[in-house]
Amino acid sequence: MDKQIERLSVKKMASYILLIQLAVICVISVFFYLAEKFFGLTPDVSSSAGFSAFVGGMIYLIPFTVYTVLSIGRNLTNNFVALVLFDFIVGFILKFVLVIGLFFVVFKYIPTVHYIVFISFSVLFVTQWIALIVLNSRY
């Protein structure tokens, strides 16, 4: 019995991953908000744990979205491989610069709980790879 596996297009897979990550951001934010309310998670009154988790997730999601749009946004034929490679490189560089810039802005100007920002960012980083493996169905 040969099982036919339906392959997702790259754009559809990227949009699924973005939606999954947005859902994970919401779940993490609610989790940390409830943990703060019931267990007094953060000693600092000026910052919210749920908001910090949301900010950490958005630090990951915004550059990932920009990279996705830049890297798979064009419809090109095989004759324009150099343009596709250029889009990937520019998207990666922009993603890297955006992550550094967003971390700088958040830690400098927005009152957050820093370890929760890092936890949320890390969870989304791992979620992206897990979703890629599950949706790709090749591994």
Protein backbone atom coordinates (compact mmCIF):
# COMPACT_ATOMS: atom_id res chain seq x y z
CA MET A 1 0.00 0.00 0.00
CA ASP A 2 1.55 3.21 -1.21
CA LYS A 3 0.31 6.16 0.74
CA GLN A 4 0.18 9.35 -1.29
CA ILE A 5 1.44 12.26 0.78
CA GLU A 6 0.14 15.59 -0.35
CA ARG A 7 2.99 18.05 -0.46
CA LEU A 8 2.28 21.58 0.63
CA SER A 9 3.44 24.44 -1.52
CA VAL A 10 6.14 26.61 -0.01
CA LYS A 11 3.85 29.63 0.36
CA LYS A 12 1.09 27.58 1.97
CA MET A 13 3.55 25.96 4.37
CA ALA A 14 5.00 29.35 5.32
CA SER A 15 1.54 30.75 6.01
CA TYR A 16 0.67 27.70 8.15
CA ILE A 17 3.87 28.15 10.14
CA LEU A 18 3.11 31.85 10.67
CA LEU A 19 -0.39 31.00 11.92
CA ILE A 20 0.96 28.27 14.21
CA GLN A 21 3.49 30.69 15.66
CA LEU A 22 0.84 33.35 16.19
CA ALA A 23 -1.26 30.80 18.09
CA VAL A 24 1.79 29.81 20.17
CA ILE A 25 2.40 33.48 21.03
CA CYS A 26 -1.19 33.77 22.28
CA VAL A 27 -0.91 30.57 24.34
CA ILE A 28 2.43 31.58 25.88
CA SER A 29 1.16 35.07 26.69
CA VAL A 30 -1.96 33.73 28.39
CA PHE A 31 0.10 31.12 30.26
CA PHE A 32 2.52 33.70 31.65
CA TYR A 33 -0.30 36.13 32.43
CA LEU A 34 -2.11 33.47 34.45
CA ALA A 35 1.12 32.33 36.11
CA GLU A 36 1.76 35.90 37.18
CA LYS A 37 -1.76 36.35 38.52
CA PHE A 38 -1.91 33.11 40.48
CA PHE A 39 1.72 32.50 41.47
CA GLY A 40 3.26 35.98 41.52
CA LEU A 41 5.79 35.15 38.83
CA THR A 42 7.38 38.56 38.39
CA PRO A 43 8.85 40.55 41.25
CA ASP A 44 8.72 43.76 39.20
CA VAL A 45 5.32 45.43 39.36
CA SER A 46 6.00 47.75 36.40
CA SER A 47 6.13 44.93 33.86
CA SER A 48 3.66 42.19 33.00
CA ALA A 49 4.70 38.60 32.35
CA GLY A 50 2.03 38.11 29.70
CA PHE A 51 3.07 41.28 27.88
CA SER A 52 6.73 40.25 28.08
CA ALA A 53 5.89 36.87 26.53
CA PHE A 54 3.94 38.60 23.78
CA VAL A 55 6.83 40.96 23.06
CA GLY A 56 9.32 38.08 22.94
CA GLY A 57 7.10 36.25 20.49
CA MET A 58 6.71 39.30 18.29
CA ILE A 59 10.49 39.82 18.29
CA TYR A 60 10.67 36.44 16.59
CA LEU A 61 7.54 36.67 14.43
CA ILE A 62 8.09 40.09 12.81
CA PRO A 63 11.54 39.31 11.33
CA PHE A 64 10.40 35.80 10.34
CA THR A 65 7.45 37.31 8.47
CA VAL A 66 9.70 39.83 6.70
CA TYR A 67 12.11 37.04 5.72
CA THR A 68 9.26 34.87 4.46
CA VAL A 69 7.77 37.63 2.34
CA LEU A 70 11.15 38.55 0.85
CA SER A 71 12.38 35.03 0.22
CA ILE A 72 9.26 33.49 -1.35
CA GLY A 73 7.43 36.59 -2.51
CA ARG A 74 8.51 36.47 -6.15
CA ASN A 75 7.16 34.15 -8.78
CA LEU A 76 10.19 33.45 -10.92
CA THR A 77 11.22 30.83 -13.38
CA ASN A 78 14.45 28.85 -13.36
CA ASN A 79 16.12 31.54 -15.46
CA PHE A 80 16.23 33.87 -12.48
CA VAL A 81 17.97 31.72 -9.88
CA ALA A 82 20.29 34.60 -9.00
CA LEU A 83 17.33 36.79 -8.06
CA VAL A 84 15.91 34.08 -5.81
CA LEU A 85 19.29 33.67 -4.12
CA PHE A 86 19.54 37.45 -3.75
CA ASP A 87 16.10 37.56 -2.11
CA PHE A 88 17.13 34.83 0.36
CA ILE A 89 20.35 36.59 1.28
CA VAL A 90 18.75 40.02 1.66
CA GLY A 91 15.89 38.49 3.65
CA PHE A 92 18.30 36.70 5.98
CA ILE A 93 20.39 39.82 6.56
CA LEU A 94 17.28 41.92 7.18
CA LYS A 95 15.91 39.27 9.56
CA PHE A 96 19.16 39.25 11.53
CA VAL A 97 19.29 43.06 11.74
CA LEU A 98 15.62 43.25 12.74
CA VAL A 99 16.07 40.71 15.56
CA ILE A 100 19.03 42.63 16.97
CA GLY A 101 17.24 45.96 16.58
CA LEU A 102 14.04 44.73 18.18
CA PHE A 103 15.89 43.24 21.14
CA PHE A 104 17.72 46.55 21.58
CA VAL A 105 14.52 48.60 21.47
CA VAL A 106 12.65 46.26 23.82
CA PHE A 107 15.40 46.06 26.43
CA LYS A 108 16.23 49.75 26.25
CA TYR A 109 12.78 51.36 26.11
CA ILE A 110 10.03 48.88 27.03
CA PRO A 111 9.70 47.62 30.60
CA THR A 112 9.65 43.83 30.27
CA VAL A 113 10.76 40.79 32.21
CA HIS A 114 13.88 39.86 30.28
CA TYR A 115 13.96 36.13 30.94
CA ILE A 116 10.33 35.76 29.83
CA VAL A 117 11.13 37.59 26.60
CA PHE A 118 13.96 35.11 25.97
CA ILE A 119 11.78 32.11 26.88
CA SER A 120 9.06 33.19 24.48
CA PHE A 121 11.58 33.89 21.71
CA SER A 122 13.20 30.49 22.25
CA VAL A 123 9.89 28.61 22.26
CA LEU A 124 8.96 30.18 18.93
CA PHE A 125 12.37 29.34 17.50
CA VAL A 126 11.88 25.67 18.39
CA THR A 127 8.24 25.75 17.26
CA GLN A 128 9.28 26.92 13.81
CA TRP A 129 11.58 23.93 13.33
CA ILE A 130 9.06 21.44 14.69
CA ALA A 131 6.31 22.85 12.47
CA LEU A 132 8.63 22.72 9.47
CA ILE A 133 9.43 19.06 10.07
CA VAL A 134 5.80 18.09 10.68
CA LEU A 135 4.38 20.04 7.73
CA ASN A 136 7.15 19.00 5.36
CA SER A 137 6.49 15.27 5.97
CA ARG A 138 9.82 14.23 4.53
CA TYR A 139 11.62 13.39 7.75
